Amino acid sequence: MDLGTSAVKVSAVTQTGEIIAQEGMDFPLNQPKPGYAEQNPNDWVNATTVAIVKLILNDSVKPEQIKGISYSGQMHGLVLLDENNQVLRPAMLWNDTRSTKQREEIMAKMGDRFVEITHNQPLEGFTLPKLLWVKENQPEIFAKAKTMLLPKDYLRFRMTGKLAIDYSDATGTVMLDVDKQEWSQEILDTFGIPASLCPPLVRSIDHTGNIDAWYSMYSGLSTDTLTFGGGADNACGAVGAGIDSPSKVLSSIGTSGVILKYEPQKETNYHGVLQYEDHAIPDAYYSMGVTLAAGFSLSWFKKTFAEKEDFTDVVESAAQSTVGANGLLFAPYIVGERAPHADADIRGSFIGVDGIHQRHDFVRAVLEGIIFSFRDLLDIYEKEGAKFDTVVSIGGGAKSPLWQQIQANIFNTRVVSLQNEQGPGLGAAMLAAVGLGWFKTMQDCTKVFVKFKDVFLPEEENVAKYQKLHEIYKQIYPSTKKISHELVAYRRENEEK
């Protein structure tokens, strides 16, 4: 089960890693005010159930064939349940940014100590600032809250009747003590959060109950089917892409963009500049930096300037331009940025616009700007002494050979794509496969389930050009920060009027 932000995808996967059936279902996103992003948790359950029923009826997958189910889910979303395990309010999602005041309060109270415990900054997208927003703005709801869950954990609860959260999603709440691998009593006490609100912790491959009788009747699944903890979508995406050793890095371009690196030990601390999370692979960790508007920058450009044209044609038109887009740079900060610049009010820009530029130069600049933002994140790893020889490219960046070659040149590293890119959904299936005992370790499962295809190698001449361009690109953020903040303040002032 892969529970995303706009849809759920359910896949039936065999012991050899073959996906024999797949169904999906959309659900709505509500944005009642600027900065708000909410969903009804019951919509996730209903959409998932429709997808399961379609899998059974349309694809002839027999319920008794389904031995195990595991879950991948959108991270950080806050679901609050009352004493009867009923949903108290709409879920606040990862892209809900209303909790800036609470983020500032967290750092004012705990500062570096908070980062020391969680290995992360308390960004607006994370769960704790959202919980404190509810506590401050909806105290009557907070008083009734008895359990906190994340999206995929609520889905699993409705299917099994058992409350749990896996470690990879728990770290994304910024309420977990990463070194102790337990909920941080210090953080809970500091902010007046009852420890009883935090559900039991499980590993991603741990058994979390069978399908219960109610959900069996509702969906057609068998009560003999086992469920497993599952993981955060980025952790599961890394599993599904074979990121199971320190030499591999994931480059993922979806609505947001992610550079993710396997970390073999919990002692590593990037002081909150990069997110640091428990991996879905037991006893391992991963770090990642997020570009908030990676694929979104490209889809925004396409919708605004080439709405009626084929997406692939628009992307491939960048080949008519040159390395560096004839002296045009794009900073993909169109909805703010997370890493390495945690700045909700920075905004995007084209720099170097010249009368000679044509639309294909702007497309090229967008493609390159997104990867330059990823290069910023790889620079942090290299300064820490990390060495990697392979970047696994998934998402939008893996669909275009041109864009993959741009990645190889800007990263100066071999870039590979996957034969069967299923991302978090495949990763979730792999967790179930190991949980069922089909494989002894995640690495054993990777050898069977994950297969690479295209390989793109750095081109020495273009690597040198991109290194010079990246040095220029790195000046955009400090040079435009003040202007962006003033423009955002101006717009807010006028919207209020």
Protein backbone atom coordinates (compact mmCIF):
# COMPACT_ATOMS: atom_id res chain seq x y z
CA MET A 1 0.00 0.00 0.00
CA ASP A 2 1.51 3.34 -1.08
CA LEU A 3 -0.47 6.20 0.48
CA GLY A 4 0.55 9.42 -1.25
CA THR A 5 -0.66 13.00 -0.98
CA SER A 6 -3.21 12.79 -3.79
CA ALA A 7 -3.78 9.06 -4.34
CA VAL A 8 -3.21 5.57 -2.98
CA LYS A 9 -1.61 2.83 -5.08
CA VAL A 10 -2.04 -0.84 -4.17
CA SER A 11 0.27 -3.41 -5.78
CA ALA A 12 0.31 -7.21 -5.75
CA VAL A 13 3.93 -8.42 -5.80
CA THR A 14 5.23 -11.98 -6.10
CA GLN A 15 8.18 -13.62 -4.34
CA THR A 16 10.35 -12.82 -7.37
CA GLY A 17 9.53 -9.11 -7.22
CA GLU A 18 7.11 -9.16 -10.16
CA ILE A 19 4.17 -6.78 -9.92
CA ILE A 20 1.25 -8.80 -11.25
CA ALA A 21 -1.52 -6.30 -10.53
CA GLN A 22 -1.87 -2.68 -9.50
CA GLU A 23 -4.80 -0.42 -8.74
CA GLY A 24 -5.11 3.13 -7.49
CA MET A 25 -7.64 5.68 -6.30
CA ASP A 26 -7.50 9.45 -5.88
CA PHE A 27 -8.69 11.47 -2.90
CA PRO A 28 -9.07 15.23 -2.38
CA LEU A 29 -6.70 17.74 -0.78
CA ASN A 30 -8.28 20.64 1.10
CA GLN A 31 -6.56 24.03 1.39
CA PRO A 32 -9.07 26.22 3.26
CA LYS A 33 -6.54 29.02 3.82
CA PRO A 34 -3.10 29.93 2.43
CA GLY A 35 -0.52 27.64 4.04
CA TYR A 36 -3.13 25.07 5.11
CA ALA A 37 -3.15 21.52 3.68
CA GLU A 38 -5.60 19.00 5.12
CA GLN A 39 -7.27 15.69 4.31
CA ASN A 40 -10.01 13.57 5.81
CA PRO A 41 -8.31 10.36 7.06
CA ASN A 42 -11.42 8.37 6.19
CA ASP A 43 -10.86 9.31 2.54
CA TRP A 44 -7.58 7.35 2.71
CA VAL A 45 -9.40 4.29 4.04
CA ASN A 46 -12.19 4.49 1.48
CA ALA A 47 -9.83 5.04 -1.45
CA THR A 48 -7.56 2.17 -0.34
CA THR A 49 -10.54 -0.14 0.04
CA VAL A 50 -11.80 0.68 -3.45
CA ALA A 51 -8.32 -0.09 -4.83
CA ILE A 52 -8.23 -3.42 -2.95
CA VAL A 53 -11.68 -4.41 -4.21
CA LYS A 54 -10.62 -3.54 -7.77
CA LEU A 55 -7.49 -5.68 -7.30
CA ILE A 56 -9.61 -8.64 -6.22
CA LEU A 57 -12.42 -8.23 -8.77
CA ASN A 58 -10.68 -6.75 -11.82
CA ASP A 59 -7.27 -8.42 -11.53
CA SER A 60 -8.43 -11.76 -10.12
CA VAL A 61 -6.11 -11.62 -7.11
CA LYS A 62 -7.60 -14.10 -4.65
CA PRO A 63 -7.73 -12.89 -1.02
CA GLU A 64 -6.09 -16.14 0.18
CA GLN A 65 -3.13 -15.42 -2.12
CA ILE A 66 -2.34 -12.21 -0.25
CA LYS A 67 0.06 -13.39 2.45
CA GLY A 68 1.26 -10.04 3.77
CA ILE A 69 0.63 -6.30 3.51
CA SER A 70 2.97 -3.46 4.32
CA TYR A 71 2.62 0.27 3.96
CA SER A 72 4.36 3.34 2.65
CA GLY A 73 2.90 6.69 3.57
CA GLN A 74 3.20 10.44 3.18
CA MET A 75 5.30 11.68 6.09
CA HIS A 76 4.66 14.04 9.00
CA GLY A 77 0.85 14.26 8.71
CA LEU A 78 -0.94 14.63 12.06
CA VAL A 79 -3.98 12.45 12.78
CA LEU A 80 -5.57 12.87 16.21
CA LEU A 81 -7.95 10.28 17.70
CA ASP A 82 -10.22 10.53 20.75
CA GLU A 83 -10.77 7.93 23.46
CA ASN A 84 -12.96 5.91 21.07
CA ASN A 85 -10.30 6.13 18.33
CA GLN A 86 -12.49 8.49 16.28
CA VAL A 87 -10.82 11.20 14.18
CA LEU A 88 -11.01 14.58 15.94
CA ARG A 89 -10.10 16.94 13.09
CA PRO A 90 -8.84 16.82 9.49
CA ALA A 91 -5.26 15.56 9.18
CA MET A 92 -2.65 18.31 8.83
CA LEU A 93 -0.26 17.27 6.05
CA TRP A 94 3.49 17.53 5.44
CA ASN A 95 2.99 20.60 3.21
CA ASP A 96 0.90 22.48 5.79
CA THR A 97 3.03 25.48 6.84
CA ARG A 98 0.78 27.29 9.33
CA SER A 99 2.97 26.42 12.35
CA THR A 100 5.85 28.89 11.96
CA LYS A 101 5.07 30.42 15.37
CA GLN A 102 5.22 26.98 17.01
CA ARG A 103 8.50 26.14 15.25
CA GLU A 104 10.00 29.34 16.64
CA GLU A 105 8.68 28.52 20.12
CA ILE A 106 10.30 25.08 20.00
CA MET A 107 13.71 26.54 19.17
CA ALA A 108 13.31 29.35 21.70
CA LYS A 109 12.64 26.80 24.46
CA MET A 110 15.11 24.07 23.51
CA GLY A 111 17.46 25.38 20.80
CA ASP A 112 20.43 23.14 20.06
CA ARG A 113 19.27 20.61 22.64
CA PHE A 114 16.25 19.84 20.44
CA VAL A 115 18.49 19.18 17.43
CA GLU A 116 20.80 17.08 19.60
CA ILE A 117 17.90 14.81 20.61
CA THR A 118 16.05 14.56 17.29
CA HIS A 119 18.93 15.21 14.83
CA ASN A 120 16.49 17.55 13.08
CA GLN A 121 15.20 21.10 13.07
CA PRO A 122 11.49 21.43 13.97
CA LEU A 123 10.38 22.55 10.50
CA GLU A 124 6.76 23.57 9.88
CA GLY A 125 6.20 20.43 7.83
CA PHE A 126 7.00 18.12 10.76
CA THR A 127 4.46 16.74 13.20
CA LEU A 128 5.39 18.34 16.54
CA PRO A 129 4.85 21.96 15.39
CA LYS A 130 1.43 20.90 14.05
CA LEU A 131 0.55 19.24 17.36
CA LEU A 132 1.52 22.40 19.24
CA TRP A 133 -0.55 24.47 16.80
CA VAL A 134 -3.61 22.37 17.70
CA LYS A 135 -2.77 22.67 21.39
CA GLU A 136 -2.58 26.46 21.11
CA ASN A 137 -5.38 27.14 18.61
CA GLN A 138 -7.83 24.29 19.23
CA PRO A 139 -7.36 23.45 22.93
CA GLU A 140 -10.73 21.70 23.14
CA ILE A 141 -9.59 19.23 20.45
CA PHE A 142 -6.17 18.76 22.04
CA ALA A 143 -7.86 18.00 25.39
CA LYS A 144 -9.87 15.20 23.76
CA ALA A 145 -6.88 13.72 21.90
CA LYS A 146 -5.77 10.32 23.21
CA THR A 147 -3.66 9.05 20.29
CA MET A 148 -1.48 10.58 17.60
CA LEU A 149 -0.92 8.68 14.34
CA LEU A 150 0.66 9.38 10.98
CA PRO A 151 -1.28 8.74 7.74
CA LYS A 152 -0.21 5.20 6.90
CA ASP A 153 -0.44 4.20 10.56
CA TYR A 154 -4.07 5.33 10.66
CA LEU A 155 -4.75 3.28 7.53
CA ARG A 156 -3.13 0.21 9.12
CA PHE A 157 -5.07 0.80 12.36
CA ARG A 158 -8.37 0.78 10.48
CA MET A 159 -7.39 -2.52 8.83
CA THR A 160 -6.15 -4.27 11.98
CA GLY A 161 -7.56 -2.43 15.01
CA LYS A 162 -4.00 -2.12 16.39
CA LEU A 163 -2.19 1.16 17.12
CA ALA A 164 1.49 1.46 16.19
CA ILE A 165 4.01 3.69 14.43
CA ASP A 166 7.24 2.51 12.84
CA TYR A 167 10.58 4.12 13.64
CA SER A 168 11.10 5.72 10.22
CA ASP A 169 7.85 7.68 10.51
CA ALA A 170 8.42 8.33 14.23
CA THR A 171 11.66 10.20 13.55
CA GLY A 172 9.69 12.43 11.17
CA THR A 173 7.52 13.61 14.06
CA VAL A 174 10.64 15.17 15.70
CA MET A 175 9.47 13.70 18.99
CA LEU A 176 11.79 10.67 18.93
CA ASP A 177 15.15 10.52 20.71
CA VAL A 178 17.20 9.15 17.82
CA ASP A 179 20.13 7.97 19.93
CA LYS A 180 17.93 6.20 22.52
CA GLN A 181 15.37 5.00 19.94
CA GLU A 182 12.41 5.94 22.12
CA TRP A 183 9.94 8.80 22.44
CA SER A 184 11.74 11.74 24.02
CA GLN A 185 10.33 12.31 27.49
CA GLU A 186 12.32 15.55 27.65
CA ILE A 187 10.55 16.96 24.58
CA LEU A 188 7.15 15.72 25.75
CA ASP A 189 7.62 17.28 29.19
CA THR A 190 8.92 20.57 27.78
CA PHE A 191 5.82 21.10 25.66
CA GLY A 192 3.18 19.53 27.88
CA ILE A 193 2.41 16.55 25.65
CA PRO A 194 1.13 13.40 27.39
CA ALA A 195 3.33 10.38 26.68
CA SER A 196 0.13 8.37 26.23
CA LEU A 197 -0.49 10.30 23.00
CA CYS A 198 2.47 8.50 21.37
CA PRO A 199 1.65 5.00 20.07
CA PRO A 200 3.88 1.91 20.49
CA LEU A 201 7.01 1.84 18.29
CA VAL A 202 7.64 -1.03 15.86
CA ARG A 203 10.24 -1.87 13.22
CA SER A 204 9.19 -1.62 9.59
CA ILE A 205 9.39 -5.42 9.17
CA ASP A 206 7.56 -6.23 12.42
CA HIS A 207 4.20 -8.01 12.38
CA THR A 208 1.47 -5.53 13.33
CA GLY A 209 -1.56 -7.81 13.43
CA ASN A 210 -3.77 -9.60 10.95
CA ILE A 211 -6.58 -8.05 8.93
CA ASP A 212 -9.45 -7.90 11.43
CA ALA A 213 -12.95 -9.21 10.91
CA TRP A 214 -14.52 -5.80 10.29
CA TYR A 215 -12.07 -4.85 7.57
CA SER A 216 -12.21 -8.32 6.06
CA MET A 217 -15.96 -7.88 5.51
CA TYR A 218 -15.47 -4.32 4.23
CA SER A 219 -12.69 -5.08 1.74
CA GLY A 220 -12.83 -8.78 0.95
CA LEU A 221 -9.36 -9.41 2.38
CA SER A 222 -8.71 -12.55 4.41
CA THR A 223 -8.21 -12.44 8.18
CA ASP A 224 -5.24 -14.78 7.56
CA THR A 225 -3.36 -11.90 5.88
CA LEU A 226 -0.56 -10.48 8.04
CA THR A 227 0.30 -6.78 8.18
CA PHE A 228 3.72 -5.22 8.83
CA GLY A 229 4.90 -1.86 10.14
CA GLY A 230 5.86 -0.31 6.84
CA GLY A 231 7.62 3.02 6.62
CA ALA A 232 7.72 6.66 5.67
CA ASP A 233 7.46 7.20 1.92
CA ASN A 234 11.05 8.38 1.59
CA ALA A 235 12.36 5.40 3.55
CA CYS A 236 10.27 3.00 1.47
CA GLY A 237 11.29 4.80 -1.72
CA ALA A 238 14.92 4.25 -0.76
CA VAL A 239 14.26 0.55 -0.11
CA GLY A 240 12.49 0.20 -3.46
CA ALA A 241 15.41 1.91 -5.21
CA GLY A 242 18.00 -0.35 -3.61
CA ILE A 243 19.57 2.30 -1.35
CA ASP A 244 20.91 -0.26 1.11
CA SER A 245 24.58 0.73 1.42
CA PRO A 246 26.57 3.96 2.00
CA SER A 247 27.91 4.04 -1.59
CA LYS A 248 24.46 4.77 -3.09
CA VAL A 249 22.50 8.02 -3.10
CA LEU A 250 18.89 8.50 -4.21
CA SER A 251 17.86 11.40 -6.45
CA SER A 252 14.06 11.58 -6.46
CA ILE A 253 12.06 14.17 -8.38
CA GLY A 254 8.40 14.26 -7.54
CA THR A 255 6.38 17.32 -6.57
CA SER A 256 9.20 17.95 -4.14
CA GLY A 257 12.72 16.64 -4.69
CA VAL A 258 14.84 14.51 -2.41
CA ILE A 259 18.50 13.64 -2.14
CA LEU A 260 18.69 10.68 0.24
CA LYS A 261 21.75 8.87 1.58
CA TYR A 262 21.99 5.61 3.52
CA GLU A 263 23.59 6.11 6.94
CA PRO A 264 24.97 3.04 8.73
CA GLN A 265 25.10 4.60 12.20
CA LYS A 266 23.02 6.92 14.37
CA GLU A 267 25.98 8.96 15.62
CA THR A 268 26.01 11.04 12.43
CA ASN A 269 24.42 14.45 12.98
CA TYR A 270 23.98 17.13 10.32
CA HIS A 271 22.73 19.55 13.01
CA GLY A 272 19.32 19.82 11.40
CA VAL A 273 20.54 21.17 8.04
CA LEU A 274 19.57 17.81 6.53
CA GLN A 275 16.78 15.61 7.85
CA TYR A 276 18.00 12.53 9.69
CA GLU A 277 15.66 9.58 10.00
CA ASP A 278 15.49 5.95 10.98
CA HIS A 279 15.56 3.81 7.83
CA ALA A 280 12.92 1.20 7.11
CA ILE A 281 15.90 -1.20 7.04
CA PRO A 282 16.37 -2.36 10.64
CA ASP A 283 19.30 -0.82 12.55
CA ALA A 284 20.11 1.64 9.75
CA TYR A 285 19.39 5.31 9.14
CA TYR A 286 19.17 7.72 6.27
CA SER A 287 19.65 11.42 5.82
CA MET A 288 18.00 13.55 3.22
CA GLY A 289 17.64 17.05 1.96
CA VAL A 290 14.41 18.24 0.39
CA THR A 291 13.92 20.75 -2.40
CA LEU A 292 10.31 21.76 -1.88
CA ALA A 293 9.48 22.60 -5.50
CA ALA A 294 11.55 20.28 -7.68
CA GLY A 295 9.08 18.63 -10.05
CA PHE A 296 6.55 21.29 -9.09
CA SER A 297 8.81 23.95 -10.63
CA LEU A 298 8.74 22.11 -13.94
CA SER A 299 4.99 21.43 -13.83
CA TRP A 300 4.37 25.08 -12.89
CA PHE A 301 6.45 26.24 -15.86
CA LYS A 302 4.71 23.84 -18.22
CA LYS A 303 1.23 24.76 -17.00
CA THR A 304 1.98 28.49 -17.21
CA PHE A 305 3.86 28.66 -20.50
CA ALA A 306 3.06 25.45 -22.42
CA GLU A 307 -0.27 24.23 -21.05
CA LYS A 308 -1.52 22.52 -24.21
CA GLU A 309 1.80 20.90 -25.19
CA ASP A 310 3.04 17.39 -24.46
CA PHE A 311 5.09 17.25 -21.26
CA THR A 312 7.84 15.12 -22.81
CA ASP A 313 8.17 17.48 -25.79
CA VAL A 314 8.54 20.47 -23.47
CA VAL A 315 11.28 18.74 -21.44
CA GLU A 316 13.15 17.51 -24.51
CA SER A 317 13.11 20.99 -26.04
CA ALA A 318 15.85 21.80 -23.53
CA ALA A 319 18.24 19.92 -25.86
CA GLN A 320 17.99 22.91 -28.23
CA SER A 321 19.71 24.99 -25.55
CA THR A 322 23.23 24.60 -24.17
CA VAL A 323 24.95 23.68 -20.91
CA GLY A 324 24.08 26.66 -18.72
CA ALA A 325 21.05 27.60 -20.85
CA ASN A 326 22.98 30.31 -22.69
CA GLY A 327 23.77 32.11 -19.44
CA LEU A 328 20.37 31.69 -17.73
CA LEU A 329 19.95 30.32 -14.20
CA PHE A 330 16.80 29.33 -12.32
CA ALA A 331 16.42 29.02 -8.54
CA PRO A 332 13.54 26.60 -7.76
CA TYR A 333 12.33 28.34 -4.61
CA ILE A 334 8.81 29.03 -5.85
CA VAL A 335 7.10 27.76 -2.66
CA GLY A 336 9.94 28.51 -0.25
CA GLU A 337 12.78 26.10 0.50
CA ARG A 338 13.69 23.47 3.06
CA ALA A 339 17.34 22.44 2.56
CA PRO A 340 19.99 23.65 2.76
CA HIS A 341 18.07 26.93 3.18
CA ALA A 342 15.21 26.47 5.66
CA ASP A 343 13.33 29.55 4.51
CA ALA A 344 9.56 29.58 3.98
CA ASP A 345 9.68 33.09 2.46
CA ILE A 346 12.43 32.73 -0.15
CA ARG A 347 11.05 32.81 -3.69
CA GLY A 348 12.25 31.58 -7.06
CA SER A 349 13.97 33.56 -9.75
CA PHE A 350 15.38 33.50 -13.24
CA ILE A 351 18.77 35.22 -13.27
CA GLY A 352 20.50 36.44 -16.41
CA VAL A 353 17.44 36.88 -18.65
CA ASP A 354 18.66 38.22 -22.00
CA GLY A 355 16.91 39.28 -25.18
CA ILE A 356 18.46 36.30 -26.98
CA HIS A 357 16.79 33.74 -24.74
CA GLN A 358 14.05 31.53 -26.13
CA ARG A 359 11.60 29.30 -24.31
CA HIS A 360 13.84 26.23 -24.62
CA ASP A 361 16.53 28.12 -22.68
CA PHE A 362 14.06 28.67 -19.84
CA VAL A 363 13.15 24.95 -19.86
CA ARG A 364 16.84 24.05 -19.72
CA ALA A 365 17.40 26.51 -16.87
CA VAL A 366 14.55 24.94 -14.89
CA LEU A 367 15.94 21.42 -15.37
CA GLU A 368 19.44 22.53 -14.38
CA GLY A 369 18.27 24.71 -11.48
CA ILE A 370 16.48 21.78 -9.86
CA ILE A 371 19.65 19.67 -10.08
CA PHE A 372 21.84 22.55 -8.85
CA SER A 373 19.61 22.62 -5.74
CA PHE A 374 20.36 18.89 -5.35
CA ARG A 375 24.08 19.59 -5.83
CA ASP A 376 23.88 21.95 -2.83
CA LEU A 377 22.86 18.92 -0.75
CA LEU A 378 25.59 16.64 -2.11
CA ASP A 379 28.14 19.35 -1.21
CA ILE A 380 27.12 18.97 2.44
CA TYR A 381 27.77 15.22 2.29
CA GLU A 382 31.14 15.66 0.60
CA LYS A 383 32.23 18.20 3.23
CA GLU A 384 31.44 15.54 5.85
CA GLY A 385 33.71 13.08 4.03
CA ALA A 386 31.00 10.93 2.45
CA LYS A 387 31.95 8.93 -0.62
CA PHE A 388 29.44 7.49 -3.08
CA ASP A 389 29.80 6.06 -6.56
CA THR A 390 26.19 5.71 -7.73
CA VAL A 391 23.17 8.01 -7.82
CA VAL A 392 19.90 6.15 -8.39
CA SER A 393 17.53 8.49 -10.22
CA ILE A 394 13.78 8.01 -9.81
CA GLY A 395 10.67 10.06 -10.52
CA GLY A 396 10.53 12.73 -13.19
CA GLY A 397 14.29 12.97 -13.46
CA ALA A 398 14.53 9.34 -14.56
CA LYS A 399 12.01 9.71 -17.40
CA SER A 400 14.24 11.89 -19.58
CA PRO A 401 17.68 10.73 -20.82
CA LEU A 402 18.61 14.41 -21.23
CA TRP A 403 17.77 15.16 -17.61
CA GLN A 404 19.63 12.06 -16.40
CA GLN A 405 22.74 13.15 -18.26
CA ILE A 406 22.44 16.62 -16.72
CA GLN A 407 22.35 14.91 -13.31
CA ALA A 408 25.46 12.83 -14.09
CA ASN A 409 27.34 15.96 -15.12
CA ILE A 410 26.25 18.19 -12.23
CA PHE A 411 26.75 15.40 -9.67
CA ASN A 412 29.98 14.21 -11.37
CA THR A 413 28.82 10.69 -10.50
CA ARG A 414 27.40 7.70 -12.34
CA VAL A 415 23.59 7.96 -12.55
CA VAL A 416 21.41 4.87 -13.01
CA SER A 417 17.67 4.34 -13.39
CA LEU A 418 15.50 1.36 -12.48
CA GLN A 419 13.99 -1.27 -14.76
CA ASN A 420 10.78 -1.32 -12.79
CA GLU A 421 10.46 1.94 -10.92
CA GLN A 422 7.72 1.58 -8.33
CA GLY A 423 9.39 3.56 -5.57
CA PRO A 424 7.72 3.51 -2.15
CA GLY A 425 5.14 0.89 -3.14
CA LEU A 426 7.79 -1.64 -4.09
CA GLY A 427 9.74 -0.77 -0.94
CA ALA A 428 6.66 -1.47 1.17
CA ALA A 429 6.22 -4.84 -0.58
CA MET A 430 9.87 -5.65 0.16
CA LEU A 431 9.28 -4.96 3.86
CA ALA A 432 6.37 -7.41 3.81
CA ALA A 433 8.52 -9.98 1.96
CA VAL A 434 11.22 -9.81 4.64
CA GLY A 435 8.61 -9.71 7.42
CA LEU A 436 7.07 -12.90 6.04
CA GLY A 437 10.47 -14.60 6.07
CA TRP A 438 10.76 -14.86 2.28
CA PHE A 439 14.21 -13.22 2.65
CA LYS A 440 16.59 -13.15 5.58
CA THR A 441 17.68 -9.52 5.12
CA MET A 442 16.62 -6.44 3.16
CA GLN A 443 19.87 -6.71 1.16
CA ASP A 444 18.92 -10.25 0.10
CA CYS A 445 15.54 -8.96 -1.02
CA THR A 446 17.15 -6.07 -2.95
CA LYS A 447 19.15 -8.51 -5.07
CA VAL A 448 15.91 -10.10 -6.31
CA PHE A 449 13.47 -7.15 -6.39
CA VAL A 450 15.62 -4.21 -7.60
CA LYS A 451 17.12 -4.14 -11.10
CA PHE A 452 18.97 -1.25 -12.75
CA LYS A 453 18.80 -0.31 -16.44
CA ASP A 454 20.16 2.91 -18.04
CA VAL A 455 23.58 4.16 -16.94
CA PHE A 456 24.76 7.74 -17.51
CA LEU A 457 28.42 8.66 -16.93
CA PRO A 458 29.81 12.16 -16.29
CA GLU A 459 31.19 14.00 -19.34
CA GLU A 460 34.43 15.64 -18.25
CA GLU A 461 34.06 18.83 -20.29
CA ASN A 462 30.50 19.45 -19.15
CA VAL A 463 31.33 18.56 -15.53
CA ALA A 464 33.81 21.44 -15.50
CA LYS A 465 31.26 23.85 -16.99
CA TYR A 466 28.63 22.90 -14.44
CA GLN A 467 31.05 23.29 -11.56
CA LYS A 468 31.62 26.93 -12.58
CA LEU A 469 27.90 27.50 -13.03
CA HIS A 470 27.09 26.00 -9.65
CA GLU A 471 29.44 28.47 -7.97
CA ILE A 472 27.38 31.26 -9.57
CA TYR A 473 24.11 29.53 -8.68
CA LYS A 474 25.09 29.38 -4.99
CA GLN A 475 25.10 33.19 -4.90
CA ILE A 476 21.40 33.43 -5.82
CA TYR A 477 19.98 32.62 -2.37
CA PRO A 478 22.00 35.15 -0.32
CA SER A 479 21.59 37.76 -3.05
CA THR A 480 17.79 37.47 -3.34
CA LYS A 481 16.82 36.63 0.26
CA LYS A 482 16.10 40.21 1.38
CA ILE A 483 14.21 41.05 -1.81
CA SER A 484 12.10 37.87 -1.57
CA HIS A 485 11.18 38.49 2.05
CA GLU A 486 10.13 42.07 1.30
CA LEU A 487 7.99 40.97 -1.65
CA VAL A 488 6.30 38.21 0.38
CA ALA A 489 5.60 40.71 3.19
CA TYR A 490 4.18 43.18 0.66
CA ARG A 491 1.87 40.56 -0.85
CA ARG A 492 0.62 39.41 2.56
CA GLU A 493 -0.03 42.99 3.61
CA ASN A 494 -2.11 43.63 0.49
CA GLU A 495 -3.96 40.30 0.73
CA GLU A 496 -5.03 41.19 4.27
CA LYS A 497 -6.39 44.53 3.05
